[in-house]
Amino acid sequence: MHMSSSESTRVVQATPAIVAQDLSKVVTDTSGSLTILHNISMTVPAGESLAIVGASGSGKSTLLSLLAGLDVPSSGEVHMCGQSLFDLTEDERAAHRARHVGFVFQSFQLIAHLSALENVMLPMELRGDKAARAKASAMLERVGLGARLRHRPALLSGGEQQRVALARAFVMHPDILMADEPTGSLDHATGQAIMDLMFDLNRENGTTLILVTHDSQIAQRCHSQIRISAGQVAA
């Protein structure tokens, strides 16, 4: 059957960004077993935003790591953009993640000896993108750092460093952006500005956003929320 391009696009978009089924994570040491997550199931539609909320130590970041395939569950499945992650080898998971996911962390994770421009260029250069410099410059302009391209992270404020991290993530046009407490090390006003920018970029790019936060105001800006309590989805 012939399918028009618009019909084809609708089918692609109908595939959820993330589907998790019965995810559990148990760690064992000399003192016994500790259940970090227990039977978590969830679906994140493509293009929507989900906040994962809960107290410190509730399992939020562990869940994000499992959804990204950075960690392996004790049981359960994750499908990312239609692909079962744990049917893949570690190298295949890394390649699938690189194609589909961008990350933003509380700690920024910039490379200290590289300029803002070089930090944003790096993932594109690793992919062999010949237009990396122009794309990185344009994205840094978009996040308000056009005058700071040559500055290394140590010469940038925390808010500026997180803008560089956002530029680095969004310049790759990921299908999914995963953010772990992206405002956790910023003051309130700076954090609000960063979240405004993140949601704006998210809308512009049609990205799916999965956000770990303890801030209820940020969580309420997302399409949906799940609350993790003692390793389970709270009612």
C-alpha atoms as a PDB file:
ATOM      1  CA  MET A   1       0.000   0.000   0.000  1.00  0.00           C
ATOM      2  CA  HIS A   2       1.344   3.420  -0.925  1.00  0.00           C
ATOM      3  CA  MET A   3       1.700   5.810   2.027  1.00  0.00           C
ATOM      4  CA  SER A   4       2.015   9.558   1.640  1.00  0.00           C
ATOM      5  CA  SER A   5       4.833  11.374   3.462  1.00  0.00           C
ATOM      6  CA  SER A   6       2.350  12.969   5.862  1.00  0.00           C
ATOM      7  CA  GLU A   7       0.819   9.566   6.643  1.00  0.00           C
ATOM      8  CA  SER A   8       4.301   8.137   7.152  1.00  0.00           C
ATOM      9  CA  THR A   9       5.146  10.961   9.556  1.00  0.00           C
ATOM     10  CA  ARG A  10       1.993  10.296  11.578  1.00  0.00           C
ATOM     11  CA  VAL A  11       2.901   6.613  11.934  1.00  0.00           C
ATOM     12  CA  VAL A  12       6.414   7.454  13.158  1.00  0.00           C
ATOM     13  CA  GLN A  13       5.071   9.966  15.664  1.00  0.00           C
ATOM     14  CA  ALA A  14       2.539   7.390  16.924  1.00  0.00           C
ATOM     15  CA  THR A  15       5.391   5.227  18.244  1.00  0.00           C
ATOM     16  CA  PRO A  16       5.884   6.155  21.919  1.00  0.00           C
ATOM     17  CA  ALA A  17       9.254   7.624  22.819  1.00  0.00           C
ATOM     18  CA  ILE A  18       9.567   5.337  25.851  1.00  0.00           C
ATOM     19  CA  VAL A  19       7.624   2.309  27.050  1.00  0.00           C
ATOM     20  CA  ALA A  20       8.736   0.684  30.315  1.00  0.00           C
ATOM     21  CA  GLN A  21       7.207  -2.561  31.546  1.00  0.00           C
ATOM     22  CA  ASP A  22       7.617  -4.001  35.051  1.00  0.00           C
ATOM     23  CA  LEU A  23      11.047  -2.443  35.654  1.00  0.00           C
ATOM     24  CA  SER A  24      12.736  -3.576  38.844  1.00  0.00           C
ATOM     25  CA  LYS A  25      16.238  -2.956  40.161  1.00  0.00           C
ATOM     26  CA  VAL A  26      17.647  -4.956  43.056  1.00  0.00           C
ATOM     27  CA  VAL A  27      21.220  -4.634  44.318  1.00  0.00           C
ATOM     28  CA  THR A  28      22.888  -7.200  46.555  1.00  0.00           C
ATOM     29  CA  ASP A  29      25.859  -6.827  48.878  1.00  0.00           C
ATOM     30  CA  THR A  30      27.172  -8.577  51.982  1.00  0.00           C
ATOM     31  CA  SER A  31      24.280  -7.262  54.069  1.00  0.00           C
ATOM     32  CA  GLY A  32      21.622  -8.675  51.725  1.00  0.00           C
ATOM     33  CA  SER A  33      19.389  -7.399  48.923  1.00  0.00           C
ATOM     34  CA  LEU A  34      18.016  -3.889  48.504  1.00  0.00           C
ATOM     35  CA  THR A  35      15.131  -3.190  46.124  1.00  0.00           C
ATOM     36  CA  ILE A  36      15.688   0.241  44.557  1.00  0.00           C
ATOM     37  CA  LEU A  37      12.790   0.058  42.065  1.00  0.00           C
ATOM     38  CA  HIS A  38       9.858  -2.365  41.971  1.00  0.00           C
ATOM     39  CA  ASN A  39       7.624  -3.093  38.954  1.00  0.00           C
ATOM     40  CA  ILE A  40       7.595   0.354  37.329  1.00  0.00           C
ATOM     41  CA  SER A  41       5.516   0.608  34.133  1.00  0.00           C
ATOM     42  CA  MET A  42       5.001   3.774  32.114  1.00  0.00           C
ATOM     43  CA  THR A  43       4.563   5.142  28.589  1.00  0.00           C
ATOM     44  CA  VAL A  44       5.873   8.499  27.358  1.00  0.00           C
ATOM     45  CA  PRO A  45       4.250   9.577  24.058  1.00  0.00           C
ATOM     46  CA  ALA A  46       6.557  11.152  21.485  1.00  0.00           C
ATOM     47  CA  GLY A  47       6.755  14.932  21.801  1.00  0.00           C
ATOM     48  CA  GLU A  48       5.365  15.084  25.336  1.00  0.00           C
ATOM     49  CA  SER A  49       7.055  15.952  28.634  1.00  0.00           C
ATOM     50  CA  LEU A  50       7.145  13.812  31.770  1.00  0.00           C
ATOM     51  CA  ALA A  51       8.368  14.806  35.222  1.00  0.00           C
ATOM     52  CA  ILE A  52       9.682  12.079  37.524  1.00  0.00           C
ATOM     53  CA  VAL A  53       9.317  13.411  41.057  1.00  0.00           C
ATOM     54  CA  GLY A  54       9.987  12.100  44.538  1.00  0.00           C
ATOM     55  CA  ALA A  55      12.127  12.546  47.622  1.00  0.00           C
ATOM     56  CA  SER A  56      15.895  12.149  47.586  1.00  0.00           C
ATOM     57  CA  GLY A  57      16.754   8.460  47.526  1.00  0.00           C
ATOM     58  CA  SER A  58      13.365   7.404  46.130  1.00  0.00           C
ATOM     59  CA  GLY A  59      14.862   5.908  42.952  1.00  0.00           C
ATOM     60  CA  LYS A  60      14.238   8.760  40.463  1.00  0.00           C
ATOM     61  CA  SER A  61      17.731   8.886  38.991  1.00  0.00           C
ATOM     62  CA  THR A  62      17.964   5.089  38.881  1.00  0.00           C
ATOM     63  CA  LEU A  63      14.735   5.036  36.872  1.00  0.00           C
ATOM     64  CA  LEU A  64      16.111   7.627  34.441  1.00  0.00           C
ATOM     65  CA  SER A  65      19.281   5.541  34.001  1.00  0.00           C
ATOM     66  CA  LEU A  66      17.189   2.462  33.208  1.00  0.00           C
ATOM     67  CA  LEU A  67      14.997   4.371  30.736  1.00  0.00           C
ATOM     68  CA  ALA A  68      18.180   5.524  28.964  1.00  0.00           C
ATOM     69  CA  GLY A  69      19.722   2.068  28.974  1.00  0.00           C
ATOM     70  CA  LEU A  70      22.672   3.400  30.982  1.00  0.00           C
ATOM     71  CA  ASP A  71      21.882   0.803  33.651  1.00  0.00           C
ATOM     72  CA  VAL A  72      20.413  -2.692  33.283  1.00  0.00           C
ATOM     73  CA  PRO A  73      17.299  -3.686  35.251  1.00  0.00           C
ATOM     74  CA  SER A  74      17.051  -6.810  37.388  1.00  0.00           C
ATOM     75  CA  SER A  75      13.824  -7.505  35.493  1.00  0.00           C
ATOM     76  CA  GLY A  76      11.541  -5.747  33.046  1.00  0.00           C
ATOM     77  CA  GLU A  77      11.818  -4.084  29.653  1.00  0.00           C
ATOM     78  CA  VAL A  78      12.317  -0.660  28.100  1.00  0.00           C
ATOM     79  CA  HIS A  79      11.418   0.163  24.500  1.00  0.00           C
ATOM     80  CA  MET A  80      12.999   3.395  23.219  1.00  0.00           C
ATOM     81  CA  CYS A  81      11.630   4.700  19.911  1.00  0.00           C
ATOM     82  CA  GLY A  82      10.291   1.202  19.194  1.00  0.00           C
ATOM     83  CA  GLN A  83      13.496  -0.702  20.036  1.00  0.00           C
ATOM     84  CA  SER A  84      13.763  -3.059  23.015  1.00  0.00           C
ATOM     85  CA  LEU A  85      16.914  -1.772  24.754  1.00  0.00           C
ATOM     86  CA  PHE A  86      17.864  -4.883  26.668  1.00  0.00           C
ATOM     87  CA  ASP A  87      17.688  -7.114  23.599  1.00  0.00           C
ATOM     88  CA  LEU A  88      20.767  -5.151  22.460  1.00  0.00           C
ATOM     89  CA  THR A  89      24.387  -5.549  23.485  1.00  0.00           C
ATOM     90  CA  GLU A  90      25.944  -2.761  25.559  1.00  0.00           C
ATOM     91  CA  ASP A  91      27.606  -1.323  22.434  1.00  0.00           C
ATOM     92  CA  GLU A  92      24.359  -1.503  20.449  1.00  0.00           C
ATOM     93  CA  ARG A  93      22.497   0.240  23.294  1.00  0.00           C
ATOM     94  CA  ALA A  94      25.116   2.995  23.324  1.00  0.00           C
ATOM     95  CA  ALA A  95      24.719   3.480  19.560  1.00  0.00           C
ATOM     96  CA  HIS A  96      20.909   3.548  19.816  1.00  0.00           C
ATOM     97  CA  ARG A  97      21.114   6.040  22.694  1.00  0.00           C
ATOM     98  CA  ALA A  98      23.510   8.250  20.731  1.00  0.00           C
ATOM     99  CA  ARG A  99      21.027   8.376  17.843  1.00  0.00           C
ATOM    100  CA  HIS A 100      18.004   9.226  19.948  1.00  0.00           C
ATOM    101  CA  VAL A 101      18.874  10.775  23.337  1.00  0.00           C
ATOM    102  CA  GLY A 102      20.412  13.981  24.661  1.00  0.00           C
ATOM    103  CA  PHE A 103      21.304  14.497  28.325  1.00  0.00           C
ATOM    104  CA  VAL A 104      21.440  17.462  30.692  1.00  0.00           C
ATOM    105  CA  PHE A 105      22.733  16.931  34.233  1.00  0.00           C
ATOM    106  CA  GLN A 106      22.850  18.937  37.456  1.00  0.00           C
ATOM    107  CA  SER A 107      26.662  19.005  37.269  1.00  0.00           C
ATOM    108  CA  PHE A 108      26.758  20.368  33.647  1.00  0.00           C
ATOM    109  CA  GLN A 109      29.498  17.842  32.683  1.00  0.00           C
ATOM    110  CA  LEU A 110      31.383  20.237  30.421  1.00  0.00           C
ATOM    111  CA  ILE A 111      34.993  19.570  29.450  1.00  0.00           C
ATOM    112  CA  ALA A 112      37.085  22.078  31.393  1.00  0.00           C
ATOM    113  CA  HIS A 113      39.851  22.696  28.841  1.00  0.00           C
ATOM    114  CA  LEU A 114      37.452  23.263  25.932  1.00  0.00           C
ATOM    115  CA  SER A 115      35.697  26.554  25.139  1.00  0.00           C
ATOM    116  CA  ALA A 116      31.904  26.817  25.112  1.00  0.00           C
ATOM    117  CA  LEU A 117      31.997  26.508  21.325  1.00  0.00           C
ATOM    118  CA  GLU A 118      34.266  23.437  21.424  1.00  0.00           C
ATOM    119  CA  ASN A 119      32.078  21.756  24.064  1.00  0.00           C
ATOM    120  CA  VAL A 120      29.012  22.133  21.836  1.00  0.00           C
ATOM    121  CA  MET A 121      30.914  21.115  18.692  1.00  0.00           C
ATOM    122  CA  LEU A 122      32.371  17.942  20.212  1.00  0.00           C
ATOM    123  CA  PRO A 123      29.422  15.513  19.820  1.00  0.00           C
ATOM    124  CA  MET A 124      28.889  16.673  16.227  1.00  0.00           C
ATOM    125  CA  GLU A 125      32.585  16.277  15.430  1.00  0.00           C
ATOM    126  CA  LEU A 126      32.522  12.755  16.853  1.00  0.00           C
ATOM    127  CA  ARG A 127      29.677  12.053  14.432  1.00  0.00           C
ATOM    128  CA  GLY A 128      31.695  13.495  11.533  1.00  0.00           C
ATOM    129  CA  ASP A 129      29.495  16.560  10.977  1.00  0.00           C
ATOM    130  CA  LYS A 130      31.420  18.985   8.750  1.00  0.00           C
ATOM    131  CA  ALA A 131      29.127  21.876   9.743  1.00  0.00           C
ATOM    132  CA  ALA A 132      29.751  21.421  13.474  1.00  0.00           C
ATOM    133  CA  ARG A 133      31.251  24.880  14.045  1.00  0.00           C
ATOM    134  CA  ALA A 134      28.437  26.771  12.321  1.00  0.00           C
ATOM    135  CA  LYS A 135      25.717  24.721  14.022  1.00  0.00           C
ATOM    136  CA  ALA A 136      27.352  25.099  17.447  1.00  0.00           C
ATOM    137  CA  SER A 137      27.732  28.855  17.004  1.00  0.00           C
ATOM    138  CA  ALA A 138      24.077  29.203  15.984  1.00  0.00           C
ATOM    139  CA  MET A 139      22.865  27.147  18.950  1.00  0.00           C
ATOM    140  CA  LEU A 140      24.985  29.133  21.421  1.00  0.00           C
ATOM    141  CA  GLU A 141      23.487  32.317  19.944  1.00  0.00           C
ATOM    142  CA  ARG A 142      20.032  30.774  20.479  1.00  0.00           C
ATOM    143  CA  VAL A 143      20.726  30.203  24.196  1.00  0.00           C
ATOM    144  CA  GLY A 144      22.071  33.745  24.620  1.00  0.00           C
ATOM    145  CA  LEU A 145      25.803  33.004  24.662  1.00  0.00           C
ATOM    146  CA  GLY A 146      26.858  34.415  21.311  1.00  0.00           C
ATOM    147  CA  ALA A 147      29.384  36.672  23.074  1.00  0.00           C
ATOM    148  CA  ARG A 148      30.855  33.819  25.170  1.00  0.00           C
ATOM    149  CA  LEU A 149      31.887  31.316  22.494  1.00  0.00           C
ATOM    150  CA  ARG A 150      35.592  31.377  23.415  1.00  0.00           C
ATOM    151  CA  HIS A 151      35.147  31.190  27.181  1.00  0.00           C
ATOM    152  CA  ARG A 152      36.074  28.023  29.029  1.00  0.00           C
ATOM    153  CA  PRO A 153      33.646  26.701  31.691  1.00  0.00           C
ATOM    154  CA  ALA A 154      35.656  28.174  34.606  1.00  0.00           C
ATOM    155  CA  LEU A 155      34.972  31.673  33.255  1.00  0.00           C
ATOM    156  CA  LEU A 156      31.220  31.084  32.947  1.00  0.00           C
ATOM    157  CA  SER A 157      28.581  31.327  35.681  1.00  0.00           C
ATOM    158  CA  GLY A 158      26.585  28.248  36.645  1.00  0.00           C
ATOM    159  CA  GLY A 159      23.635  29.436  34.590  1.00  0.00           C
ATOM    160  CA  GLU A 160      25.871  30.044  31.576  1.00  0.00           C
ATOM    161  CA  GLN A 161      27.432  26.594  31.924  1.00  0.00           C
ATOM    162  CA  GLN A 162      23.978  24.995  31.958  1.00  0.00           C
ATOM    163  CA  ARG A 163      23.095  26.986  28.818  1.00  0.00           C
ATOM    164  CA  VAL A 164      26.173  25.489  27.143  1.00  0.00           C
ATOM    165  CA  ALA A 165      24.998  22.028  28.264  1.00  0.00           C
ATOM    166  CA  LEU A 166      21.529  22.710  26.807  1.00  0.00           C
ATOM    167  CA  ALA A 167      23.073  23.884  23.531  1.00  0.00           C
ATOM    168  CA  ARG A 168      25.240  20.749  23.393  1.00  0.00           C
ATOM    169  CA  ALA A 169      22.186  18.523  23.906  1.00  0.00           C
ATOM    170  CA  PHE A 170      19.758  20.276  21.547  1.00  0.00           C
ATOM    171  CA  VAL A 171      22.245  20.865  18.717  1.00  0.00           C
ATOM    172  CA  MET A 172      22.071  17.104  18.064  1.00  0.00           C
ATOM    173  CA  HIS A 173      18.268  17.317  17.621  1.00  0.00           C
ATOM    174  CA  PRO A 174      17.607  14.334  19.879  1.00  0.00           C
ATOM    175  CA  ASP A 175      14.230  12.584  19.806  1.00  0.00           C
ATOM    176  CA  ILE A 176      14.366  12.454  23.619  1.00  0.00           C
ATOM    177  CA  LEU A 177      15.986  14.808  26.118  1.00  0.00           C
ATOM    178  CA  MET A 178      16.643  13.357  29.570  1.00  0.00           C
ATOM    179  CA  ALA A 179      17.397  15.893  32.294  1.00  0.00           C
ATOM    180  CA  ASP A 180      18.405  14.957  35.840  1.00  0.00           C
ATOM    181  CA  GLU A 181      17.819  17.832  38.303  1.00  0.00           C
ATOM    182  CA  PRO A 182      19.008  20.385  35.700  1.00  0.00           C
ATOM    183  CA  THR A 183      18.477  23.330  38.082  1.00  0.00           C
ATOM    184  CA  GLY A 184      19.703  21.583  41.232  1.00  0.00           C
ATOM    185  CA  SER A 185      22.951  23.551  41.521  1.00  0.00           C
ATOM    186  CA  LEU A 186      21.502  26.917  40.430  1.00  0.00           C
ATOM    187  CA  ASP A 187      19.836  29.699  42.414  1.00  0.00           C
ATOM    188  CA  HIS A 188      16.062  29.998  42.004  1.00  0.00           C
ATOM    189  CA  ALA A 189      15.994  32.871  39.498  1.00  0.00           C
ATOM    190  CA  THR A 190      18.708  31.315  37.317  1.00  0.00           C
ATOM    191  CA  GLY A 191      16.994  27.943  37.537  1.00  0.00           C
ATOM    192  CA  GLN A 192      13.697  29.464  36.369  1.00  0.00           C
ATOM    193  CA  ALA A 193      15.436  31.054  33.384  1.00  0.00           C
ATOM    194  CA  ILE A 194      17.091  27.745  32.480  1.00  0.00           C
ATOM    195  CA  MET A 195      13.771  25.888  32.660  1.00  0.00           C
ATOM    196  CA  ASP A 196      12.066  28.540  30.501  1.00  0.00           C
ATOM    197  CA  LEU A 197      14.806  28.030  27.927  1.00  0.00           C
ATOM    198  CA  MET A 198      14.614  24.226  28.150  1.00  0.00           C
ATOM    199  CA  PHE A 199      10.848  24.183  27.565  1.00  0.00           C
ATOM    200  CA  ASP A 200      11.179  26.701  24.697  1.00  0.00           C
ATOM    201  CA  LEU A 201      13.874  24.607  22.990  1.00  0.00           C
ATOM    202  CA  ASN A 202      11.838  21.491  23.612  1.00  0.00           C
ATOM    203  CA  ARG A 203       8.790  22.953  21.832  1.00  0.00           C
ATOM    204  CA  GLU A 204      10.877  24.308  18.951  1.00  0.00           C
ATOM    205  CA  ASN A 205      12.487  20.926  18.344  1.00  0.00           C
ATOM    206  CA  GLY A 206       9.479  18.676  19.028  1.00  0.00           C
ATOM    207  CA  THR A 207      11.595  16.728  21.495  1.00  0.00           C
ATOM    208  CA  THR A 208      10.246  14.346  24.133  1.00  0.00           C
ATOM    209  CA  LEU A 209      11.351  15.573  27.572  1.00  0.00           C
ATOM    210  CA  ILE A 210      11.872  13.275  30.561  1.00  0.00           C
ATOM    211  CA  LEU A 211      12.809  15.336  33.587  1.00  0.00           C
ATOM    212  CA  VAL A 212      13.854  14.269  37.085  1.00  0.00           C
ATOM    213  CA  THR A 213      13.107  17.032  39.575  1.00  0.00           C
ATOM    214  CA  HIS A 214      12.215  17.596  43.209  1.00  0.00           C
ATOM    215  CA  ASP A 215      10.657  20.983  42.298  1.00  0.00           C
ATOM    216  CA  SER A 216       6.862  20.704  42.098  1.00  0.00           C
ATOM    217  CA  GLN A 217       6.568  23.992  40.159  1.00  0.00           C
ATOM    218  CA  ILE A 218       8.826  22.629  37.409  1.00  0.00           C
ATOM    219  CA  ALA A 219       6.994  19.289  37.409  1.00  0.00           C
ATOM    220  CA  GLN A 220       3.639  21.015  36.909  1.00  0.00           C
ATOM    221  CA  ARG A 221       4.889  22.504  33.619  1.00  0.00           C
ATOM    222  CA  CYS A 222       5.158  18.999  32.132  1.00  0.00           C
ATOM    223  CA  HIS A 223       2.327  17.167  30.355  1.00  0.00           C
ATOM    224  CA  SER A 224       2.367  14.466  33.022  1.00  0.00           C
ATOM    225  CA  GLN A 225       4.083  13.436  36.250  1.00  0.00           C
ATOM    226  CA  ILE A 226       4.882  10.229  38.053  1.00  0.00           C
ATOM    227  CA  ARG A 227       5.869  10.226  41.708  1.00  0.00           C
ATOM    228  CA  ILE A 228       8.337   7.622  42.936  1.00  0.00           C
ATOM    229  CA  SER A 229       8.148   6.664  46.594  1.00  0.00           C
ATOM    230  CA  ALA A 230      10.266   3.889  48.100  1.00  0.00           C
ATOM    231  CA  GLY A 231      10.998   2.546  44.631  1.00  0.00           C
ATOM    232  CA  GLN A 232       7.380   2.342  43.461  1.00  0.00           C
ATOM    233  CA  VAL A 233       4.955   4.607  41.600  1.00  0.00           C
ATOM    234  CA  ALA A 234       2.924   6.394  44.261  1.00  0.00           C
ATOM    235  CA  ALA A 235      -0.824   6.680  43.791  1.00  0.00           C
END
